[in-house]
Amino acid sequence: VLVAVGAAPRVALAHAAGLELADDGAVRVDAGLRTAAPDVYAAGDV
């Protein structure tokens, strides 16, 4: 039996650090992939 019902962003570290998450649970970044925290960026599935 294979369960293939999608993937969730791996945000435990980001959430624990206090980074802002978007409505879909991923790390919220702007158009340049920058978070609201100084000098912190996110890219890819997260």
All heavy atoms as atom14 arrays in JSON, in Angstrom:
{
  "sequence": "VLVAVGAAPRVALAHAAGLELADDGAVRVDAGLRTAAPDVYAAGDV",
  "atom14_mask": [
    [1, 1, 1, 1, 1, 1, 1, 0, 0, 0, 0, 0, 0, 0],
    [1, 1, 1, 1, 1, 1, 1, 1, 0, 0, 0, 0, 0, 0],
    [1, 1, 1, 1, 1, 1, 1, 0, 0, 0, 0, 0, 0, 0],
    [1, 1, 1, 1, 1, 0, 0, 0, 0, 0, 0, 0, 0, 0],
    [1, 1, 1, 1, 1, 1, 1, 0, 0, 0, 0, 0, 0, 0],
    [1, 1, 1, 1, 0, 0, 0, 0, 0, 0, 0, 0, 0, 0],
    [1, 1, 1, 1, 1, 0, 0, 0, 0, 0, 0, 0, 0, 0],
    [1, 1, 1, 1, 1, 0, 0, 0, 0, 0, 0, 0, 0, 0],
    [1, 1, 1, 1, 1, 1, 1, 0, 0, 0, 0, 0, 0, 0],
    [1, 1, 1, 1, 1, 1, 1, 1, 1, 1, 1, 0, 0, 0],
    [1, 1, 1, 1, 1, 1, 1, 0, 0, 0, 0, 0, 0, 0],
    [1, 1, 1, 1, 1, 0, 0, 0, 0, 0, 0, 0, 0, 0],
    [1, 1, 1, 1, 1, 1, 1, 1, 0, 0, 0, 0, 0, 0],
    [1, 1, 1, 1, 1, 0, 0, 0, 0, 0, 0, 0, 0, 0],
    [1, 1, 1, 1, 1, 1, 1, 1, 1, 1, 0, 0, 0, 0],
    [1, 1, 1, 1, 1, 0, 0, 0, 0, 0, 0, 0, 0, 0],
    [1, 1, 1, 1, 1, 0, 0, 0, 0, 0, 0, 0, 0, 0],
    [1, 1, 1, 1, 0, 0, 0, 0, 0, 0, 0, 0, 0, 0],
    [1, 1, 1, 1, 1, 1, 1, 1, 0, 0, 0, 0, 0, 0],
    [1, 1, 1, 1, 1, 1, 1, 1, 1, 0, 0, 0, 0, 0],
    [1, 1, 1, 1, 1, 1, 1, 1, 0, 0, 0, 0, 0, 0],
    [1, 1, 1, 1, 1, 0, 0, 0, 0, 0, 0, 0, 0, 0],
    [1, 1, 1, 1, 1, 1, 1, 1, 0, 0, 0, 0, 0, 0],
    [1, 1, 1, 1, 1, 1, 1, 1, 0, 0, 0, 0, 0, 0],
    [1, 1, 1, 1, 0, 0, 0, 0, 0, 0, 0, 0, 0, 0],
    [1, 1, 1, 1, 1, 0, 0, 0, 0, 0, 0, 0, 0, 0],
    [1, 1, 1, 1, 1, 1, 1, 0, 0, 0, 0, 0, 0, 0],
    [1, 1, 1, 1, 1, 1, 1, 1, 1, 1, 1, 0, 0, 0],
    [1, 1, 1, 1, 1, 1, 1, 0, 0, 0, 0, 0, 0, 0],
    [1, 1, 1, 1, 1, 1, 1, 1, 0, 0, 0, 0, 0, 0],
    [1, 1, 1, 1, 1, 0, 0, 0, 0, 0, 0, 0, 0, 0],
    [1, 1, 1, 1, 0, 0, 0, 0, 0, 0, 0, 0, 0, 0],
    [1, 1, 1, 1, 1, 1, 1, 1, 0, 0, 0, 0, 0, 0],
    [1, 1, 1, 1, 1, 1, 1, 1, 1, 1, 1, 0, 0, 0],
    [1, 1, 1, 1, 1, 1, 1, 0, 0, 0, 0, 0, 0, 0],
    [1, 1, 1, 1, 1, 0, 0, 0, 0, 0, 0, 0, 0, 0],
    [1, 1, 1, 1, 1, 0, 0, 0, 0, 0, 0, 0, 0, 0],
    [1, 1, 1, 1, 1, 1, 1, 0, 0, 0, 0, 0, 0, 0],
    [1, 1, 1, 1, 1, 1, 1, 1, 0, 0, 0, 0, 0, 0],
    [1, 1, 1, 1, 1, 1, 1, 0, 0, 0, 0, 0, 0, 0],
    [1, 1, 1, 1, 1, 1, 1, 1, 1, 1, 1, 1, 0, 0],
    [1, 1, 1, 1, 1, 0, 0, 0, 0, 0, 0, 0, 0, 0],
    [1, 1, 1, 1, 1, 0, 0, 0, 0, 0, 0, 0, 0, 0],
    [1, 1, 1, 1, 0, 0, 0, 0, 0, 0, 0, 0, 0, 0],
    [1, 1, 1, 1, 1, 1, 1, 1, 0, 0, 0, 0, 0, 0],
    [1, 1, 1, 1, 1, 1, 1, 0, 0, 0, 0, 0, 0, 0]
  ],
  "atom14_positions": [
    [[0.86, -1.18, 0.0], [0.0, 0.0, 0.0], [0.9, 1.23, 0.0], [1.74, 1.4, 0.88], [-0.94, 0.04, 1.22], [-1.77, 1.33, 1.19], [-1.84, -1.19, 1.26], [0.0, 0.0, 0.0], [0.0, 0.0, 0.0], [0.0, 0.0, 0.0], [0.0, 0.0, 0.0], [0.0, 0.0, 0.0], [0.0, 0.0, 0.0], [0.0, 0.0, 0.0]],
    [[0.71, 2.07, -1.0], [1.45, 3.33, -1.1], [0.49, 4.48, -0.85], [-0.56, 4.58, -1.5], [2.07, 3.48, -2.49], [2.7, 4.85, -2.81], [3.93, 5.09, -1.94], [3.04, 4.97, -4.29], [0.0, 0.0, 0.0], [0.0, 0.0, 0.0], [0.0, 0.0, 0.0], [0.0, 0.0, 0.0], [0.0, 0.0, 0.0], [0.0, 0.0, 0.0]],
    [[0.83, 5.36, 0.07], [0.05, 6.57, 0.33], [0.73, 7.72, -0.39], [1.87, 8.09, -0.08], [-0.05, 6.87, 1.83], [-0.82, 8.16, 2.07], [-0.73, 5.71, 2.55], [0.0, 0.0, 0.0], [0.0, 0.0, 0.0], [0.0, 0.0, 0.0], [0.0, 0.0, 0.0], [0.0, 0.0, 0.0], [0.0, 0.0, 0.0], [0.0, 0.0, 0.0]],
    [[0.04, 8.28, -1.38], [0.58, 9.36, -2.2], [-0.47, 10.47, -2.29], [-1.07, 10.7, -3.34], [0.94, 8.85, -3.59], [0.0, 0.0, 0.0], [0.0, 0.0, 0.0], [0.0, 0.0, 0.0], [0.0, 0.0, 0.0], [0.0, 0.0, 0.0], [0.0, 0.0, 0.0], [0.0, 0.0, 0.0], [0.0, 0.0, 0.0], [0.0, 0.0, 0.0]],
    [[-0.69, 11.14, -1.17], [-1.76, 12.13, -1.06], [-1.21, 13.54, -0.93], [-1.84, 14.42, -0.35], [-2.7, 11.8, 0.11], [-3.48, 10.53, -0.16], [-1.94, 11.69, 1.43], [0.0, 0.0, 0.0], [0.0, 0.0, 0.0], [0.0, 0.0, 0.0], [0.0, 0.0, 0.0], [0.0, 0.0, 0.0], [0.0, 0.0, 0.0], [0.0, 0.0, 0.0]],
    [[-0.02, 13.76, -1.47], [0.54, 15.1, -1.46], [1.67, 15.25, -0.46], [2.01, 14.32, 0.28], [0.0, 0.0, 0.0], [0.0, 0.0, 0.0], [0.0, 0.0, 0.0], [0.0, 0.0, 0.0], [0.0, 0.0, 0.0], [0.0, 0.0, 0.0], [0.0, 0.0, 0.0], [0.0, 0.0, 0.0], [0.0, 0.0, 0.0], [0.0, 0.0, 0.0]],
    [[2.23, 16.44, -0.44], [3.38, 16.73, 0.43], [3.12, 18.01, 1.2], [2.44, 18.93, 0.72], [4.65, 16.87, -0.39], [0.0, 0.0, 0.0], [0.0, 0.0, 0.0], [0.0, 0.0, 0.0], [0.0, 0.0, 0.0], [0.0, 0.0, 0.0], [0.0, 0.0, 0.0], [0.0, 0.0, 0.0], [0.0, 0.0, 0.0], [0.0, 0.0, 0.0]],
    [[3.66, 18.08, 2.4], [3.52, 19.25, 3.26], [4.89, 19.9, 3.44], [5.91, 19.21, 3.54], [2.96, 18.85, 4.63], [0.0, 0.0, 0.0], [0.0, 0.0, 0.0], [0.0, 0.0, 0.0], [0.0, 0.0, 0.0], [0.0, 0.0, 0.0], [0.0, 0.0, 0.0], [0.0, 0.0, 0.0], [0.0, 0.0, 0.0], [0.0, 0.0, 0.0]],
    [[4.95, 21.23, 3.47], [6.23, 21.89, 3.65], [6.84, 21.55, 5.02], [6.14, 21.49, 6.03], [5.89, 23.37, 3.54], [4.44, 23.45, 3.89], [3.83, 22.18, 3.4], [0.0, 0.0, 0.0], [0.0, 0.0, 0.0], [0.0, 0.0, 0.0], [0.0, 0.0, 0.0], [0.0, 0.0, 0.0], [0.0, 0.0, 0.0], [0.0, 0.0, 0.0]],
    [[8.14, 21.36, 5.03], [8.84, 20.98, 6.25], [9.22, 22.27, 7.0], [10.28, 22.87, 6.76], [10.08, 20.16, 5.89], [10.65, 19.34, 7.02], [11.88, 18.55, 6.56], [11.55, 17.56, 5.56], [11.11, 16.33, 5.83], [10.95, 15.95, 7.09], [10.85, 15.48, 4.84], [0.0, 0.0, 0.0], [0.0, 0.0, 0.0], [0.0, 0.0, 0.0]],
    [[8.34, 22.69, 7.91], [8.47, 24.02, 8.51], [8.68, 23.98, 10.03], [8.6, 25.03, 10.67], [7.23, 24.9, 8.2], [7.14, 25.16, 6.72], [5.95, 24.26, 8.73], [0.0, 0.0, 0.0], [0.0, 0.0, 0.0], [0.0, 0.0, 0.0], [0.0, 0.0, 0.0], [0.0, 0.0, 0.0], [0.0, 0.0, 0.0], [0.0, 0.0, 0.0]],
    [[8.94, 22.82, 10.61], [9.08, 22.76, 12.07], [10.14, 23.72, 12.57], [9.94, 24.44, 13.57], [9.39, 21.33, 12.5], [0.0, 0.0, 0.0], [0.0, 0.0, 0.0], [0.0, 0.0, 0.0], [0.0, 0.0, 0.0], [0.0, 0.0, 0.0], [0.0, 0.0, 0.0], [0.0, 0.0, 0.0], [0.0, 0.0, 0.0], [0.0, 0.0, 0.0]],
    [[11.3, 23.75, 11.93], [12.37, 24.66, 12.35], [11.93, 26.11, 12.22], [12.15, 26.92, 13.12], [13.61, 24.44, 11.49], [14.55, 23.3, 11.84], [15.61, 23.17, 10.76], [15.21, 23.53, 13.2], [0.0, 0.0, 0.0], [0.0, 0.0, 0.0], [0.0, 0.0, 0.0], [0.0, 0.0, 0.0], [0.0, 0.0, 0.0], [0.0, 0.0, 0.0]],
    [[11.34, 26.44, 11.08], [10.92, 27.81, 10.84], [9.86, 28.25, 11.84], [9.91, 29.37, 12.37], [10.39, 27.94, 9.41], [0.0, 0.0, 0.0], [0.0, 0.0, 0.0], [0.0, 0.0, 0.0], [0.0, 0.0, 0.0], [0.0, 0.0, 0.0], [0.0, 0.0, 0.0], [0.0, 0.0, 0.0], [0.0, 0.0, 0.0], [0.0, 0.0, 0.0]],
    [[8.9, 27.39, 12.09], [7.83, 27.72, 13.02], [8.37, 27.91, 14.43], [8.02, 28.89, 15.12], [6.78, 26.61, 13.0], [5.63, 26.85, 13.93], [4.74, 27.88, 13.76], [5.24, 26.21, 15.06], [3.84, 27.85, 14.73], [4.12, 26.85, 15.54], [0.0, 0.0, 0.0], [0.0, 0.0, 0.0], [0.0, 0.0, 0.0], [0.0, 0.0, 0.0]],
    [[9.25, 27.01, 14.86], [9.83, 27.13, 16.2], [10.66, 28.39, 16.35], [10.74, 28.98, 17.43], [10.68, 25.9, 16.51], [0.0, 0.0, 0.0], [0.0, 0.0, 0.0], [0.0, 0.0, 0.0], [0.0, 0.0, 0.0], [0.0, 0.0, 0.0], [0.0, 0.0, 0.0], [0.0, 0.0, 0.0], [0.0, 0.0, 0.0], [0.0, 0.0, 0.0]],
    [[11.27, 28.83, 15.26], [12.09, 30.04, 15.3], [11.25, 31.31, 15.28], [11.76, 32.41, 15.54], [13.06, 30.06, 14.12], [0.0, 0.0, 0.0], [0.0, 0.0, 0.0], [0.0, 0.0, 0.0], [0.0, 0.0, 0.0], [0.0, 0.0, 0.0], [0.0, 0.0, 0.0], [0.0, 0.0, 0.0], [0.0, 0.0, 0.0], [0.0, 0.0, 0.0]],
    [[9.97, 31.19, 14.96], [9.1, 32.35, 14.92], [8.96, 32.99, 13.57], [8.43, 34.1, 13.46], [0.0, 0.0, 0.0], [0.0, 0.0, 0.0], [0.0, 0.0, 0.0], [0.0, 0.0, 0.0], [0.0, 0.0, 0.0], [0.0, 0.0, 0.0], [0.0, 0.0, 0.0], [0.0, 0.0, 0.0], [0.0, 0.0, 0.0], [0.0, 0.0, 0.0]],
    [[9.39, 32.31, 12.51], [9.21, 32.85, 11.17], [7.73, 32.83, 10.78], [6.99, 31.92, 11.15], [10.03, 32.05, 10.16], [11.54, 32.23, 10.23], [12.24, 31.23, 9.31], [11.94, 33.65, 9.86], [0.0, 0.0, 0.0], [0.0, 0.0, 0.0], [0.0, 0.0, 0.0], [0.0, 0.0, 0.0], [0.0, 0.0, 0.0], [0.0, 0.0, 0.0]],
    [[7.34, 33.8, 10.0], [5.94, 33.92, 9.6], [5.62, 32.87, 8.55], [6.37, 32.68, 7.59], [5.68, 35.31, 9.04], [4.22, 35.57, 8.72], [3.98, 36.99, 8.23], [4.96, 37.76, 8.11], [2.81, 37.31, 7.95], [0.0, 0.0, 0.0], [0.0, 0.0, 0.0], [0.0, 0.0, 0.0], [0.0, 0.0, 0.0], [0.0, 0.0, 0.0]],
    [[4.48, 32.2, 8.73], [4.01, 31.2, 7.77], [2.83, 31.75, 6.98], [2.05, 32.56, 7.48], [3.61, 29.91, 8.5], [4.67, 29.25, 9.37], [4.14, 27.95, 9.96], [5.96, 29.0, 8.59], [0.0, 0.0, 0.0], [0.0, 0.0, 0.0], [0.0, 0.0, 0.0], [0.0, 0.0, 0.0], [0.0, 0.0, 0.0], [0.0, 0.0, 0.0]],
    [[2.71, 31.28, 5.75], [1.6, 31.67, 4.89], [0.37, 30.83, 5.21], [0.42, 29.9, 6.03], [2.0, 31.5, 3.43], [0.0, 0.0, 0.0], [0.0, 0.0, 0.0], [0.0, 0.0, 0.0], [0.0, 0.0, 0.0], [0.0, 0.0, 0.0], [0.0, 0.0, 0.0], [0.0, 0.0, 0.0], [0.0, 0.0, 0.0], [0.0, 0.0, 0.0]],
    [[-0.73, 31.14, 4.56], [-1.98, 30.43, 4.82], [-1.88, 28.94, 4.53], [-2.57, 28.13, 5.15], [-3.11, 31.03, 3.98], [-3.49, 32.44, 4.44], [-3.12, 32.8, 5.57], [-4.13, 33.16, 3.65], [0.0, 0.0, 0.0], [0.0, 0.0, 0.0], [0.0, 0.0, 0.0], [0.0, 0.0, 0.0], [0.0, 0.0, 0.0], [0.0, 0.0, 0.0]],
    [[-1.02, 28.55, 3.57], [-0.89, 27.13, 3.24], [0.11, 26.41, 4.13], [0.41, 25.23, 3.93], [-0.49, 26.95, 1.77], [0.9, 27.5, 1.46], [1.53, 28.11, 2.34], [1.36, 27.3, 0.32], [0.0, 0.0, 0.0], [0.0, 0.0, 0.0], [0.0, 0.0, 0.0], [0.0, 0.0, 0.0], [0.0, 0.0, 0.0], [0.0, 0.0, 0.0]],
    [[0.65, 27.11, 5.13], [1.56, 26.49, 6.09], [3.02, 26.57, 5.72], [3.89, 26.18, 6.5], [0.0, 0.0, 0.0], [0.0, 0.0, 0.0], [0.0, 0.0, 0.0], [0.0, 0.0, 0.0], [0.0, 0.0, 0.0], [0.0, 0.0, 0.0], [0.0, 0.0, 0.0], [0.0, 0.0, 0.0], [0.0, 0.0, 0.0], [0.0, 0.0, 0.0]],
    [[3.35, 27.09, 4.53], [4.74, 27.21, 4.11], [5.33, 28.52, 4.65], [4.63, 29.38, 5.18], [4.84, 27.16, 2.59], [0.0, 0.0, 0.0], [0.0, 0.0, 0.0], [0.0, 0.0, 0.0], [0.0, 0.0, 0.0], [0.0, 0.0, 0.0], [0.0, 0.0, 0.0], [0.0, 0.0, 0.0], [0.0, 0.0, 0.0], [0.0, 0.0, 0.0]],
    [[6.65, 28.65, 4.51], [7.32, 29.86, 4.97], [6.97, 31.01, 4.03], [7.12, 30.92, 2.81], [8.85, 29.67, 5.02], [9.55, 30.96, 5.41], [9.21, 28.56, 5.99], [0.0, 0.0, 0.0], [0.0, 0.0, 0.0], [0.0, 0.0, 0.0], [0.0, 0.0, 0.0], [0.0, 0.0, 0.0], [0.0, 0.0, 0.0], [0.0, 0.0, 0.0]],
    [[6.51, 32.09, 4.6], [6.07, 33.25, 3.82], [7.29, 34.05, 3.37], [8.09, 34.52, 4.2], [5.15, 34.11, 4.69], [4.55, 35.32, 4.03], [3.76, 36.12, 5.07], [3.19, 37.33, 4.51], [1.94, 37.44, 4.08], [1.13, 36.4, 4.13], [1.49, 38.58, 3.6], [0.0, 0.0, 0.0], [0.0, 0.0, 0.0], [0.0, 0.0, 0.0]],
    [[7.46, 34.2, 2.05], [8.55, 35.0, 1.5], [8.02, 35.99, 0.48], [6.94, 35.8, -0.08], [9.66, 34.12, 0.86], [10.33, 33.24, 1.91], [9.09, 33.27, -0.27], [0.0, 0.0, 0.0], [0.0, 0.0, 0.0], [0.0, 0.0, 0.0], [0.0, 0.0, 0.0], [0.0, 0.0, 0.0], [0.0, 0.0, 0.0], [0.0, 0.0, 0.0]],
    [[8.79, 37.04, 0.25], [8.38, 38.05, -0.72], [8.81, 37.64, -2.12], [9.27, 36.51, -2.34], [8.9, 39.42, -0.32], [10.43, 39.53, -0.37], [11.1, 38.63, -0.92], [10.96, 40.54, 0.16], [0.0, 0.0, 0.0], [0.0, 0.0, 0.0], [0.0, 0.0, 0.0], [0.0, 0.0, 0.0], [0.0, 0.0, 0.0], [0.0, 0.0, 0.0]],
    [[8.7, 38.56, -3.07], [9.03, 38.24, -4.46], [10.49, 37.86, -4.63], [10.84, 37.12, -5.55], [8.68, 39.42, -5.35], [0.0, 0.0, 0.0], [0.0, 0.0, 0.0], [0.0, 0.0, 0.0], [0.0, 0.0, 0.0], [0.0, 0.0, 0.0], [0.0, 0.0, 0.0], [0.0, 0.0, 0.0], [0.0, 0.0, 0.0], [0.0, 0.0, 0.0]],
    [[11.35, 38.34, -3.74], [12.77, 38.0, -3.8], [13.17, 36.84, -2.92], [14.36, 36.62, -2.69], [0.0, 0.0, 0.0], [0.0, 0.0, 0.0], [0.0, 0.0, 0.0], [0.0, 0.0, 0.0], [0.0, 0.0, 0.0], [0.0, 0.0, 0.0], [0.0, 0.0, 0.0], [0.0, 0.0, 0.0], [0.0, 0.0, 0.0], [0.0, 0.0, 0.0]],
    [[12.17, 36.1, -2.42], [12.38, 34.89, -1.59], [12.93, 35.22, -0.21], [13.51, 34.36, 0.46], [13.31, 33.89, -2.31], [12.86, 33.49, -3.72], [13.9, 32.56, -4.37], [11.5, 32.82, -3.68], [0.0, 0.0, 0.0], [0.0, 0.0, 0.0], [0.0, 0.0, 0.0], [0.0, 0.0, 0.0], [0.0, 0.0, 0.0], [0.0, 0.0, 0.0]],
    [[12.68, 36.42, 0.26], [13.16, 36.87, 1.57], [12.03, 36.8, 2.59], [10.9, 37.21, 2.31], [13.68, 38.3, 1.45], [14.25, 38.88, 2.74], [14.83, 40.27, 2.48], [13.82, 41.17, 1.91], [14.09, 42.42, 1.51], [15.33, 42.89, 1.57], [13.12, 43.18, 1.04], [0.0, 0.0, 0.0], [0.0, 0.0, 0.0], [0.0, 0.0, 0.0]],
    [[12.31, 36.28, 3.77], [11.33, 36.27, 4.85], [11.32, 37.64, 5.52], [12.11, 38.52, 5.21], [11.67, 35.2, 5.91], [12.78, 35.64, 6.7], [12.0, 33.86, 5.26], [0.0, 0.0, 0.0], [0.0, 0.0, 0.0], [0.0, 0.0, 0.0], [0.0, 0.0, 0.0], [0.0, 0.0, 0.0], [0.0, 0.0, 0.0], [0.0, 0.0, 0.0]],
    [[10.42, 37.78, 6.5], [10.36, 39.03, 7.25], [11.5, 39.15, 8.25], [11.77, 40.25, 8.75], [9.02, 39.14, 7.97], [0.0, 0.0, 0.0], [0.0, 0.0, 0.0], [0.0, 0.0, 0.0], [0.0, 0.0, 0.0], [0.0, 0.0, 0.0], [0.0, 0.0, 0.0], [0.0, 0.0, 0.0], [0.0, 0.0, 0.0], [0.0, 0.0, 0.0]],
    [[12.18, 38.06, 8.56], [13.31, 38.1, 9.49], [14.54, 38.61, 8.77], [14.77, 38.26, 7.6], [13.57, 36.71, 10.06], [0.0, 0.0, 0.0], [0.0, 0.0, 0.0], [0.0, 0.0, 0.0], [0.0, 0.0, 0.0], [0.0, 0.0, 0.0], [0.0, 0.0, 0.0], [0.0, 0.0, 0.0], [0.0, 0.0, 0.0], [0.0, 0.0, 0.0]],
    [[15.36, 39.41, 9.4], [16.54, 39.97, 8.74], [17.47, 38.88, 8.21], [17.83, 37.95, 8.94], [17.22, 40.78, 9.86], [16.14, 41.1, 10.83], [15.21, 39.91, 10.79], [0.0, 0.0, 0.0], [0.0, 0.0, 0.0], [0.0, 0.0, 0.0], [0.0, 0.0, 0.0], [0.0, 0.0, 0.0], [0.0, 0.0, 0.0], [0.0, 0.0, 0.0]],
    [[17.81, 38.98, 6.92], [18.83, 38.14, 6.29], [18.48, 36.66, 6.27], [19.36, 35.8, 6.21], [20.19, 38.34, 6.96], [20.68, 39.77, 6.83], [20.56, 40.32, 5.71], [21.18, 40.34, 7.82], [0.0, 0.0, 0.0], [0.0, 0.0, 0.0], [0.0, 0.0, 0.0], [0.0, 0.0, 0.0], [0.0, 0.0, 0.0], [0.0, 0.0, 0.0]],
    [[17.19, 36.34, 6.3], [16.74, 34.95, 6.24], [15.87, 34.78, 5.0], [14.92, 35.55, 4.78], [15.96, 34.53, 7.5], [15.49, 33.08, 7.38], [16.81, 34.71, 8.75], [0.0, 0.0, 0.0], [0.0, 0.0, 0.0], [0.0, 0.0, 0.0], [0.0, 0.0, 0.0], [0.0, 0.0, 0.0], [0.0, 0.0, 0.0], [0.0, 0.0, 0.0]],
    [[16.18, 33.77, 4.2], [15.51, 33.51, 2.94], [14.99, 32.07, 2.93], [15.4, 31.24, 3.73], [16.48, 33.71, 1.76], [16.97, 35.12, 1.62], [17.92, 35.65, 2.5], [16.48, 35.96, 0.62], [18.37, 36.97, 2.37], [16.92, 37.26, 0.48], [17.86, 37.76, 1.36], [18.29, 39.06, 1.23], [0.0, 0.0, 0.0], [0.0, 0.0, 0.0]],
    [[14.08, 31.78, 2.01], [13.58, 30.41, 1.85], [13.36, 30.14, 0.37], [12.99, 31.04, -0.39], [12.29, 30.18, 2.63], [0.0, 0.0, 0.0], [0.0, 0.0, 0.0], [0.0, 0.0, 0.0], [0.0, 0.0, 0.0], [0.0, 0.0, 0.0], [0.0, 0.0, 0.0], [0.0, 0.0, 0.0], [0.0, 0.0, 0.0], [0.0, 0.0, 0.0]],
    [[13.6, 28.89, -0.04], [13.45, 28.53, -1.45], [13.02, 27.07, -1.57], [13.26, 26.26, -0.68], [14.77, 28.74, -2.2], [0.0, 0.0, 0.0], [0.0, 0.0, 0.0], [0.0, 0.0, 0.0], [0.0, 0.0, 0.0], [0.0, 0.0, 0.0], [0.0, 0.0, 0.0], [0.0, 0.0, 0.0], [0.0, 0.0, 0.0], [0.0, 0.0, 0.0]],
    [[12.38, 26.76, -2.69], [11.95, 25.39, -2.95], [10.6, 25.07, -2.35], [9.76, 25.96, -2.13], [0.0, 0.0, 0.0], [0.0, 0.0, 0.0], [0.0, 0.0, 0.0], [0.0, 0.0, 0.0], [0.0, 0.0, 0.0], [0.0, 0.0, 0.0], [0.0, 0.0, 0.0], [0.0, 0.0, 0.0], [0.0, 0.0, 0.0], [0.0, 0.0, 0.0]],
    [[10.38, 23.81, -2.05], [9.07, 23.33, -1.57], [8.59, 24.05, -0.31], [7.38, 24.13, -0.07], [9.14, 21.83, -1.24], [9.28, 20.95, -2.46], [9.52, 21.49, -3.56], [9.16, 19.73, -2.33], [0.0, 0.0, 0.0], [0.0, 0.0, 0.0], [0.0, 0.0, 0.0], [0.0, 0.0, 0.0], [0.0, 0.0, 0.0], [0.0, 0.0, 0.0]],
    [[9.51, 24.53, 0.5], [9.14, 25.1, 1.79], [8.66, 26.54, 1.68], [8.11, 27.09, 2.63], [10.34, 25.01, 2.77], [11.41, 26.05, 2.46], [9.89, 25.13, 4.22], [0.0, 0.0, 0.0], [0.0, 0.0, 0.0], [0.0, 0.0, 0.0], [0.0, 0.0, 0.0], [0.0, 0.0, 0.0], [0.0, 0.0, 0.0], [0.0, 0.0, 0.0]]
  ]
}
